[in-house]
Protein backbone atom coordinates (compact mmCIF):
# COMPACT_ATOMS: atom_id res chain seq x y z
CA MET A 1 110.76 144.88 182.50
CA CYS A 2 111.38 146.90 179.35
CA ARG A 3 115.17 146.71 179.83
CA GLN A 4 114.99 142.95 180.16
CA LEU A 5 112.97 142.72 176.95
CA VAL A 6 115.46 144.93 175.09
CA ALA A 7 118.39 142.89 176.42
CA LEU A 8 116.68 139.66 175.39
CA CYS A 9 116.04 141.05 171.89
CA LEU A 10 119.70 142.12 171.56
CA ILE A 11 120.93 138.68 172.61
CA ALA A 12 118.57 137.03 170.12
CA LEU A 13 119.73 139.41 167.38
CA MET A 14 123.40 138.66 168.09
CA GLY A 15 122.71 134.94 168.03
CA ALA A 16 120.81 135.20 164.74
CA SER A 17 123.52 137.23 163.02
CA GLY A 18 126.25 134.82 164.12
CA VAL A 19 129.36 135.43 166.13
CA TYR A 20 131.40 136.41 163.07
CA GLY A 21 128.72 138.41 161.25
CA SER A 22 128.78 138.09 157.50
CA CYS A 23 131.93 136.68 155.93
CA LYS A 24 133.18 136.79 152.35
CA ALA A 25 135.98 134.75 150.85
CA THR A 26 138.26 135.17 147.87
CA VAL A 27 139.41 131.78 146.55
CA SER A 28 142.42 130.77 144.48
CA SER A 29 143.17 127.14 143.70
CA PHE A 30 145.85 124.77 142.42
CA SER A 31 145.43 121.27 140.99
CA THR A 32 148.00 118.66 139.99
CA GLN A 33 149.06 119.34 136.39
CA ASP A 34 150.65 116.03 135.34
CA ALA A 35 149.22 112.67 136.39
CA THR A 36 151.14 110.32 134.10
CA ILE A 37 152.82 108.48 136.99
CA LEU A 38 150.47 109.35 139.86
CA THR A 39 147.56 107.48 141.39
CA GLN A 40 145.87 110.50 142.99
CA LEU A 41 145.31 114.13 142.11
CA ALA A 42 145.95 116.85 144.68
CA HIS A 43 143.87 120.01 144.95
CA VAL A 44 144.70 123.01 147.12
CA ALA A 45 142.38 125.95 147.77
CA GLU A 46 143.70 129.11 149.36
CA LEU A 47 141.14 131.58 150.60
CA THR A 48 141.23 135.04 152.07
CA LEU A 49 138.43 135.47 154.59
CA GLN A 50 136.98 138.87 155.45
CA CYS A 51 134.39 138.93 158.22
CA SER A 52 132.39 142.04 159.09
CA ASN A 53 133.79 142.17 162.64
CA SER A 54 137.43 141.39 161.62
CA ALA A 55 137.33 138.02 163.38
CA GLN A 56 139.63 135.20 162.31
CA PRO A 57 137.82 132.00 163.27
CA SER A 58 139.14 128.45 163.24
CA LEU A 59 137.56 126.78 160.22
CA PHE A 60 136.55 123.28 159.18
CA ALA A 61 135.67 122.28 155.60
CA GLU A 62 133.13 119.74 154.40
CA PHE A 63 133.55 118.29 150.90
CA PRO A 64 130.79 116.84 148.71
CA CYS A 65 131.91 113.32 149.63
CA GLY A 66 130.96 114.09 153.26
CA LYS A 67 134.47 114.28 154.65
CA VAL A 68 135.09 117.08 157.19
CA VAL A 69 138.67 118.33 157.69
CA PRO A 70 140.29 121.24 159.54
CA VAL A 71 141.37 124.24 157.48
CA ALA A 72 144.95 125.44 157.98
CA LYS A 73 145.57 129.08 158.80
CA VAL A 74 148.58 130.21 156.76
CA GLY A 75 148.61 133.93 157.38
CA ASP A 76 146.62 136.96 158.38
CA SER A 77 143.06 136.15 157.23
CA LYS A 78 144.48 133.51 154.87
CA TYR A 79 143.42 129.88 155.05
CA GLN A 80 144.30 126.79 153.07
CA VAL A 81 142.51 123.48 152.57
CA SER A 82 143.63 120.54 150.46
CA TRP A 83 142.29 117.17 149.39
CA VAL A 84 143.16 114.30 147.07
CA GLU A 85 141.06 112.16 144.77
CA ASP A 86 141.66 109.17 142.53
CA ILE A 87 142.67 109.96 138.97
CA LYS A 88 139.75 107.99 137.53
CA GLN A 89 137.26 109.96 139.64
CA GLY A 90 138.97 113.30 139.14
CA SER A 91 137.59 115.75 136.63
CA SER A 92 137.67 119.44 135.99
CA GLY A 93 134.90 121.65 137.26
CA ASN A 94 133.77 123.33 140.43
CA VAL A 95 133.76 121.75 143.89
CA GLN A 96 131.37 123.10 146.51
CA VAL A 97 133.06 123.32 149.92
CA ARG A 98 131.11 124.23 153.04
CA LEU A 99 133.03 126.04 155.80
CA PHE A 100 132.14 125.81 159.48
CA ASP A 101 133.41 127.61 162.56
CA GLU A 102 133.96 125.71 165.83
CA ASP A 103 130.29 125.86 166.84
CA GLY A 104 129.19 124.71 163.39
CA TYR A 105 131.71 121.87 163.51
CA ALA A 106 130.30 120.78 166.87
CA ASN A 107 126.84 120.72 165.30
CA VAL A 108 128.18 118.68 162.36
CA ARG A 109 129.70 116.12 164.72
CA LYS A 110 126.45 115.97 166.66
CA ALA A 111 124.47 115.40 163.45
CA GLN A 112 126.90 112.63 162.42
CA ARG A 113 126.59 110.96 165.83
CA ASP A 114 122.80 111.14 165.78
CA GLY A 115 122.57 109.88 162.20
CA ASP A 116 121.03 113.14 160.95
CA LYS A 117 121.85 114.81 157.65
CA VAL A 118 124.92 117.05 157.81
CA SER A 119 123.43 119.18 155.04
CA SER A 120 120.84 120.44 157.55
CA VAL A 121 123.58 122.14 159.61
CA LYS A 122 124.02 125.80 158.69
CA SER A 123 127.51 126.59 157.42
CA LEU A 124 129.43 129.79 158.07
CA LEU A 125 130.22 130.15 154.37
CA ASP A 126 129.99 128.11 151.16
CA ILE A 127 132.78 128.49 148.61
CA THR A 128 133.21 127.21 145.07
CA VAL A 129 136.69 125.90 144.24
CA PRO A 130 137.55 125.58 140.53
CA THR A 131 139.55 122.43 139.78
CA LYS A 132 141.36 121.38 136.61
CA SER A 133 141.90 117.92 135.27
CA ALA A 134 145.48 116.70 134.91
CA TYR A 135 147.37 115.49 131.86
CA LYS A 136 147.17 111.70 131.90
CA GLY A 137 149.56 110.96 129.07
CA PRO A 138 149.25 110.53 125.30
CA TRP A 139 146.35 108.62 123.76
CA ILE A 140 148.76 106.18 122.06
CA LYS A 141 151.74 104.94 124.04
CA ALA A 142 155.17 105.30 122.42
CA GLU A 143 155.87 101.56 122.77
CA LEU A 144 152.73 100.65 120.82
CA LEU A 145 153.52 103.17 118.09
CA ALA A 146 157.08 101.82 117.81
CA ALA A 147 155.80 98.23 117.54
CA PHE A 148 153.40 99.16 114.72
CA LEU A 149 156.18 101.06 112.96
CA VAL A 150 158.57 98.09 113.20
CA GLY A 151 155.81 95.77 111.97
CA GLY A 152 155.10 98.05 108.99
CA VAL A 153 158.78 98.30 108.04
CA ALA A 154 159.21 94.52 108.35
CA TYR A 155 156.12 93.89 106.19
CA PHE A 156 157.37 96.34 103.55
CA ALA A 157 160.87 94.75 103.58
CA PHE A 158 159.57 91.14 103.23
CA THR A 159 157.09 92.01 100.46
CA THR A 160 159.75 93.93 98.54
CA LYS A 161 162.24 91.08 98.97
CA SER A 162 159.74 88.50 97.69
CA LYS A 163 158.96 90.68 94.63
CA VAL A 164 162.68 91.13 93.82
CA GLN A 165 163.43 87.40 94.16
CA ALA A 166 160.45 86.36 92.06
C-alpha cells in the first residue's frame, strides 16, 4: 500500500513538473530594415533552448494576434520562428510569444475547437522578442521637392523679368 502511494506521488510530481522540466531561452531577433518598397515587415526570432533534462522538444509558437505556428528547429537546441505584419500596423517594441510543446499544442487546439480562451492553456515558455521598426522613406518625396524648387525658380525668373522690362 505504501509503495503504491509513493509511486502515485512520484507520477503526480513528474506530471506537475512537466516532461521537459524547466526551460530557459536566449533570444536574438532580426526585423526588416528598409520598407520603402515593401507591403509587409518580416520578423525572425532565433532562440537557444536549454531544458533541465537536455530534451529538445518540438515547439509551437502563439503570437499576440492568436495565430499558432510551428517553430523550425535549425540546429542543436536552436529554434527559429518568423512572422510578417503590415507596415502600417508594424512598430518597434517587444512582442510576447508563447511557446508550447506537442501536448500544449494539443491543448491549444482543443481550446480553439471548444471555443475556450487559449490564454488559459499553460505554455512551456514565454519569450519576449524585441522588434524594430523599418525605414519607410523620407518625409518629403524627392518629386515634390523638385516641383517646389522648379516653381520657386520659375516665380523668381518671371518676377525678375517683369521688373527688368518695366
